[in-house]
Structures are given as C-alpha cells and as structure tokens.
Protein backbone atom coordinates (compact mmCIF):
# COMPACT_ATOMS: atom_id res chain seq x y z
CA UNK A 1 129.39 4.68 -86.41
CA UNK A 2 131.35 2.65 -88.95
CA UNK A 3 128.66 -0.10 -88.81
CA UNK A 4 125.87 2.39 -89.46
CA UNK A 5 127.79 3.92 -92.31
CA UNK A 6 128.40 0.46 -93.79
CA UNK A 7 124.72 -0.50 -93.68
CA UNK A 8 123.53 2.74 -95.22
CA UNK A 9 126.17 3.01 -97.90
CA UNK A 10 124.92 2.06 -101.39
CA UNK A 11 127.47 -0.16 -103.10
CA UNK A 12 127.54 -2.14 -106.31
CA UNK A 13 127.01 -5.33 -104.28
CA UNK A 14 123.93 -3.95 -102.56
CA UNK A 15 122.50 -2.86 -105.87
CA UNK A 16 122.99 -6.34 -107.32
CA UNK A 17 121.51 -7.98 -104.20
CA UNK A 18 118.45 -5.73 -104.38
CA UNK A 19 117.96 -6.54 -108.05
CA UNK A 20 118.24 -10.28 -107.37
CA UNK A 21 115.74 -10.08 -104.52
CA UNK A 22 113.38 -7.96 -106.63
CA UNK A 23 113.34 -10.64 -109.32
CA UNK A 24 113.48 -13.73 -107.09
CA UNK A 25 110.83 -12.89 -104.48
CA UNK A 26 107.81 -12.90 -106.86
CA UNK A 27 108.90 -16.25 -108.30
CA UNK A 28 109.34 -17.66 -104.80
CA UNK A 29 105.90 -16.41 -103.80
CA UNK A 30 104.37 -17.90 -106.96
CA UNK A 31 106.03 -21.26 -106.29
CA UNK A 32 104.85 -21.34 -102.67
CA UNK A 33 101.33 -20.45 -103.82
CA UNK A 34 101.31 -23.35 -106.29
CA UNK A 35 102.47 -25.77 -103.59
CA UNK A 36 99.80 -24.53 -101.16
CA UNK A 37 97.05 -24.83 -103.76
CA UNK A 38 98.09 -28.41 -104.59
CA UNK A 39 98.12 -29.41 -100.92
CA UNK A 40 94.75 -27.72 -100.28
CA UNK A 41 93.18 -29.41 -103.30
CA UNK A 42 94.46 -32.79 -102.07
CA UNK A 43 92.91 -32.06 -98.66
CA UNK A 44 89.55 -31.18 -100.17
CA UNK A 45 89.50 -34.37 -102.25
CA UNK A 46 90.24 -36.41 -99.15
CA UNK A 47 87.56 -34.56 -97.20
CA UNK A 48 84.99 -35.12 -99.94
CA UNK A 49 85.74 -38.83 -99.97
CA UNK A 50 85.39 -39.00 -96.20
CA UNK A 51 82.13 -37.05 -96.22
CA UNK A 52 80.75 -39.33 -98.88
CA UNK A 53 80.98 -42.25 -96.48
CA UNK A 54 79.69 -40.29 -93.50
CA UNK A 55 76.51 -39.05 -95.21
CA UNK A 56 73.26 -40.84 -94.36
CA UNK A 57 71.79 -42.76 -97.31
CA UNK A 58 68.86 -41.06 -99.03
CA UNK A 59 65.56 -42.93 -99.38
CA UNK A 60 65.31 -45.05 -102.50
CA UNK A 61 63.03 -43.99 -105.31
CA UNK A 62 60.61 -46.76 -104.39
CA UNK A 63 59.92 -45.17 -101.02
CA UNK A 64 57.21 -42.53 -100.81
CA UNK A 65 58.34 -40.13 -98.11
CA UNK A 66 55.00 -38.33 -98.11
CA UNK A 67 53.16 -41.49 -96.96
CA UNK A 68 55.88 -42.86 -94.66
CA UNK A 69 54.06 -41.81 -91.48
CA UNK A 70 50.58 -42.79 -92.63
CA UNK A 71 48.72 -45.64 -90.96
CA UNK A 72 47.89 -48.87 -92.74
CA UNK A 73 44.29 -49.99 -93.08
CA UNK A 74 43.84 -53.72 -93.63
CA UNK A 75 40.61 -55.27 -94.89
CA UNK A 76 40.84 -58.98 -94.15
CA UNK A 77 37.41 -59.66 -95.67
CA UNK A 78 38.47 -58.62 -99.16
CA UNK A 79 42.22 -59.10 -98.78
CA UNK A 80 43.76 -55.69 -99.32
CA UNK A 81 45.74 -53.05 -97.47
CA UNK A 82 46.07 -49.34 -98.09
CA UNK A 83 47.81 -46.44 -96.39
CA UNK A 84 45.79 -43.44 -95.23
CA UNK A 85 46.69 -40.19 -93.43
CA UNK A 86 47.27 -40.94 -89.76
CA UNK A 87 44.74 -38.42 -88.46
CA UNK A 88 41.90 -39.37 -90.83
CA UNK A 89 39.03 -41.49 -89.53
CA UNK A 90 37.79 -44.83 -90.87
CA UNK A 91 34.13 -45.82 -90.72
CA UNK A 92 32.04 -48.61 -92.21
CA UNK A 93 28.49 -48.23 -93.49
CA UNK A 94 26.07 -50.65 -95.08
CA UNK A 95 25.61 -50.11 -98.81
CA UNK A 96 23.23 -52.83 -99.92
CA UNK A 97 22.41 -56.31 -98.67
CA UNK A 98 25.46 -57.64 -96.85
CA UNK A 99 27.84 -55.32 -98.71
CA UNK A 100 29.44 -52.45 -96.82
CA UNK A 101 31.41 -49.40 -97.87
CA UNK A 102 34.52 -48.24 -96.05
CA UNK A 103 34.84 -44.45 -95.72
CA UNK A 104 38.10 -42.63 -94.97
CA UNK A 105 37.50 -39.00 -94.03
CA UNK A 106 39.57 -35.95 -93.05
CA UNK A 107 38.93 -34.41 -89.61
CA UNK A 108 36.21 -31.79 -89.45
CA UNK A 109 38.67 -28.95 -88.81
CA UNK A 110 40.35 -29.68 -92.16
CA UNK A 111 37.20 -30.20 -94.17
CA UNK A 112 34.96 -27.59 -95.78
CA UNK A 113 31.24 -27.50 -95.05
CA UNK A 114 30.53 -29.91 -97.90
CA UNK A 115 33.40 -32.31 -97.44
CA UNK A 116 34.25 -35.26 -99.62
CA UNK A 117 35.77 -38.52 -98.45
CA UNK A 118 37.45 -41.58 -99.92
CA UNK A 119 35.37 -44.76 -100.04
CA UNK A 120 36.24 -48.40 -100.73
CA UNK A 121 33.55 -50.62 -102.23
CA UNK A 122 34.06 -54.26 -103.21
CA UNK A 123 31.49 -56.38 -105.06
CA UNK A 124 31.57 -59.58 -107.07
CA UNK A 125 30.51 -59.37 -110.70
CA UNK A 126 27.86 -62.01 -109.99
CA UNK A 127 26.21 -59.86 -107.29
CA UNK A 128 25.09 -57.01 -109.55
CA UNK A 129 21.98 -58.82 -110.70
CA UNK A 130 21.28 -60.02 -107.17
CA UNK A 131 20.99 -56.41 -105.97
CA UNK A 132 19.61 -55.03 -109.27
CA UNK A 133 22.62 -52.77 -109.82
CA UNK A 134 23.84 -51.28 -113.08
CA UNK A 135 26.25 -53.65 -114.78
CA UNK A 136 27.94 -51.03 -116.97
CA UNK A 137 31.29 -51.49 -115.25
CA UNK A 138 31.31 -54.94 -113.72
CA UNK A 139 32.76 -57.68 -115.95
CA UNK A 140 36.28 -58.58 -117.02
CA UNK A 141 35.39 -57.85 -120.66
CA UNK A 142 34.13 -54.38 -119.75
CA UNK A 143 37.23 -53.70 -117.66
CA UNK A 144 39.50 -54.71 -120.54
CA UNK A 145 37.55 -52.46 -122.92
CA UNK A 146 37.75 -49.49 -120.54
CA UNK A 147 41.51 -49.99 -120.23
CA UNK A 148 41.88 -49.83 -124.02
CA UNK A 149 39.41 -47.02 -124.69
CA UNK A 150 40.83 -43.49 -125.07
CA UNK A 151 40.29 -40.81 -122.46
CA UNK A 152 36.93 -39.14 -123.01
CA UNK A 153 36.79 -35.58 -124.30
CA UNK A 154 33.09 -35.25 -123.46
CA UNK A 155 32.69 -34.32 -119.79
CA UNK A 156 28.90 -34.00 -120.07
CA UNK A 157 28.29 -37.69 -119.39
CA UNK A 158 27.20 -39.49 -116.27
CA UNK A 159 30.34 -41.60 -116.40
CA UNK A 160 33.45 -41.02 -118.49
CA UNK A 161 37.06 -42.16 -118.51
CA UNK A 162 39.78 -39.75 -117.37
CA UNK A 163 42.75 -42.12 -117.53
CA UNK A 164 44.41 -45.34 -116.46
CA UNK A 165 47.02 -46.02 -113.83
CA UNK A 166 49.34 -48.83 -112.79
CA UNK A 167 49.55 -49.38 -109.04
CA UNK A 168 52.82 -50.75 -107.62
CA UNK A 169 54.07 -51.33 -111.18
CA UNK A 170 51.80 -54.35 -111.72
CA UNK A 171 48.13 -53.59 -110.96
CA UNK A 172 46.19 -51.94 -113.79
CA UNK A 173 43.26 -49.67 -112.96
CA UNK A 174 40.79 -47.42 -114.77
CA UNK A 175 40.12 -43.88 -113.57
CA UNK A 176 36.77 -42.28 -114.31
CA UNK A 177 34.32 -39.58 -113.24
CA UNK A 178 30.76 -40.40 -112.21
CA UNK A 179 28.34 -37.51 -111.84
CA UNK A 180 24.75 -36.35 -111.96
CA UNK A 181 23.74 -34.15 -114.87
CA UNK A 182 21.77 -30.89 -114.87
CA UNK A 183 18.07 -31.69 -114.70
CA UNK A 184 18.51 -34.87 -112.66
CA UNK A 185 16.01 -34.98 -109.78
CA UNK A 186 18.67 -35.85 -107.19
CA UNK A 187 21.23 -33.57 -105.51
CA UNK A 188 24.29 -32.91 -107.70
CA UNK A 189 27.13 -35.34 -107.02
CA UNK A 190 30.64 -35.69 -108.42
CA UNK A 191 32.88 -38.70 -107.82
CA UNK A 192 36.36 -39.53 -109.06
CA UNK A 193 36.70 -43.30 -109.20
CA UNK A 194 39.44 -45.89 -109.58
CA UNK A 195 38.28 -49.31 -110.77
CA UNK A 196 40.23 -52.54 -110.34
CA UNK A 197 38.89 -55.87 -111.59
CA UNK A 198 40.53 -59.02 -110.24
CA UNK A 199 39.37 -62.64 -110.34
CA UNK A 200 35.72 -61.74 -110.92
CA UNK A 201 35.66 -59.12 -108.16
CA UNK A 202 35.41 -55.35 -108.62
CA UNK A 203 37.22 -52.93 -106.35
CA UNK A 204 36.09 -49.30 -106.51
CA UNK A 205 37.95 -46.53 -104.72
CA UNK A 206 35.96 -43.30 -104.98
CA UNK A 207 36.51 -39.68 -103.99
CA UNK A 208 33.40 -37.54 -103.61
CA UNK A 209 30.57 -36.61 -103.63
CA UNK A 210 31.23 -32.85 -103.88
CA UNK A 211 33.28 -31.55 -106.80
CA UNK A 212 35.02 -28.61 -105.11
CA UNK A 213 36.23 -30.52 -102.05
CA UNK A 214 37.00 -33.63 -104.12
CA UNK A 215 39.36 -31.67 -106.36
CA UNK A 216 41.13 -30.24 -103.28
CA UNK A 217 41.65 -33.75 -101.89
CA UNK A 218 42.75 -35.22 -105.22
CA UNK A 219 46.53 -35.20 -104.44
CA UNK A 220 45.92 -37.19 -101.22
CA UNK A 221 43.53 -39.51 -103.05
CA UNK A 222 46.20 -40.28 -105.67
CA UNK A 223 48.71 -41.04 -102.90
CA UNK A 224 46.22 -43.40 -101.22
CA UNK A 225 45.69 -45.20 -104.54
CA UNK A 226 49.45 -45.62 -104.95
CA UNK A 227 49.66 -47.61 -101.68
CA UNK A 228 46.86 -50.10 -102.48
CA UNK A 229 48.03 -53.72 -102.26
CA UNK A 230 46.41 -57.13 -102.25
CA UNK A 231 47.37 -59.39 -99.36
CA UNK A 232 46.89 -62.57 -101.37
CA UNK A 233 48.36 -63.54 -104.77
C-alpha cells in the first residue's frame, strides 16, 4: 500500500521530472529523426551509385534501333548494301538493255490494292545516250546544280526538288518527286526519288508509283535510305 501511495502521490520532484521530460522528449525525437534522415540519404546515394554500374548500357546515338532487326541486301554488281525490313521481298526485273531494277516490296497482307515499292536503279552517265534516255539528271554537273538549287515551291512539274540529305554523315543526295501531269496519256504515277551521283555512276532509289501508298511508306523509305552504304571506297 505504501508503494502504491508513493507512486501516485504528486510531489515537487515528480512535477519537475514531468516538465523535464515534456521539454526533452520532442528534442530527442527531433535529433533521432535528423540522424535517421542522414543515414537514409547516405544509403540512397550508395544505392544510386551501385545501380549506375549495374544498369545495361543504352544504345549509342549512332545505332538505329528501328532497323536493328532488318536484313541486309548486298548488291555486289554495283557495290552497295542497304538494310530492308526482314519480311519484305526482294525481286529483280529487267529495265532496259542489260540494266536491271531491284524492287523491295511489303507483303501483300500489309499493302493496299495499289501498293508502292522501293526500287534501286543504277546506270552510268555514259549509258543514257546508248539507251536513248532523258539526260536531265545524269551528269556530275547536273547533280551539283541540283544540290545547290532551292527546294521547289511549284509542285505542278514532272520533276521537282523536295530536299537534300546526307547519308551516314558523308554521302550527299538529292530528293525529288517525279510524276505524270493531268492530261498525260499514261496512267498517273507518283515517285519519290533519292539521287546519288558517284564516280560517273547514278544511283536512284525510288518509292512509288502510287501517291497514296507511297506517302504511307515514306517513313520506312527514309529509314532504308539512311542505311545505304557503298562497299568500296
């Protein structure tokens, strides 16, 4: 009974002790919180450093992830390679004389009724007269002029410039549109072309011949162009 009475009796000492605890406990809690935060921050910094070394490296900017799984087409006759979608087909057709065109086409289930394809056509500047072909875009001088000329604002022409591009940071090329005009006796055609002239040889990479499907395939066409490389210096 005396113990219970002692514990429950309010004395001056107990009042002082209560006041001290009332003041000290918040400061103690604040101090412990600061210590915990410092230790936790140190842990996070260590964890971040560790994770930085464990992360897989990201592809460099020179890699094109969208074409990484494409297949490579190599033309040993004309010395170039290019990447194309893995499920597209490659065919070769005679164009004129002993000159062939290479066609790269999407599968039928991905193509509209009037589907366009990408074609590769290579001809020497000296062969235009042999086959009685138009020499409007064939010589080094013409290629240089087309590179310098501004983009055309008149789209009602059979052939007009839409831009220039640099492939693999070194290879200059001219981009143009070639089309039939209203009133022409032939079926309407629309081709987007990329023209490269190198050592007296012209390389044409075209997308067509139907405007609607060509415009839908334009992003893939631009990616194909970006992978074009010569196999010889």
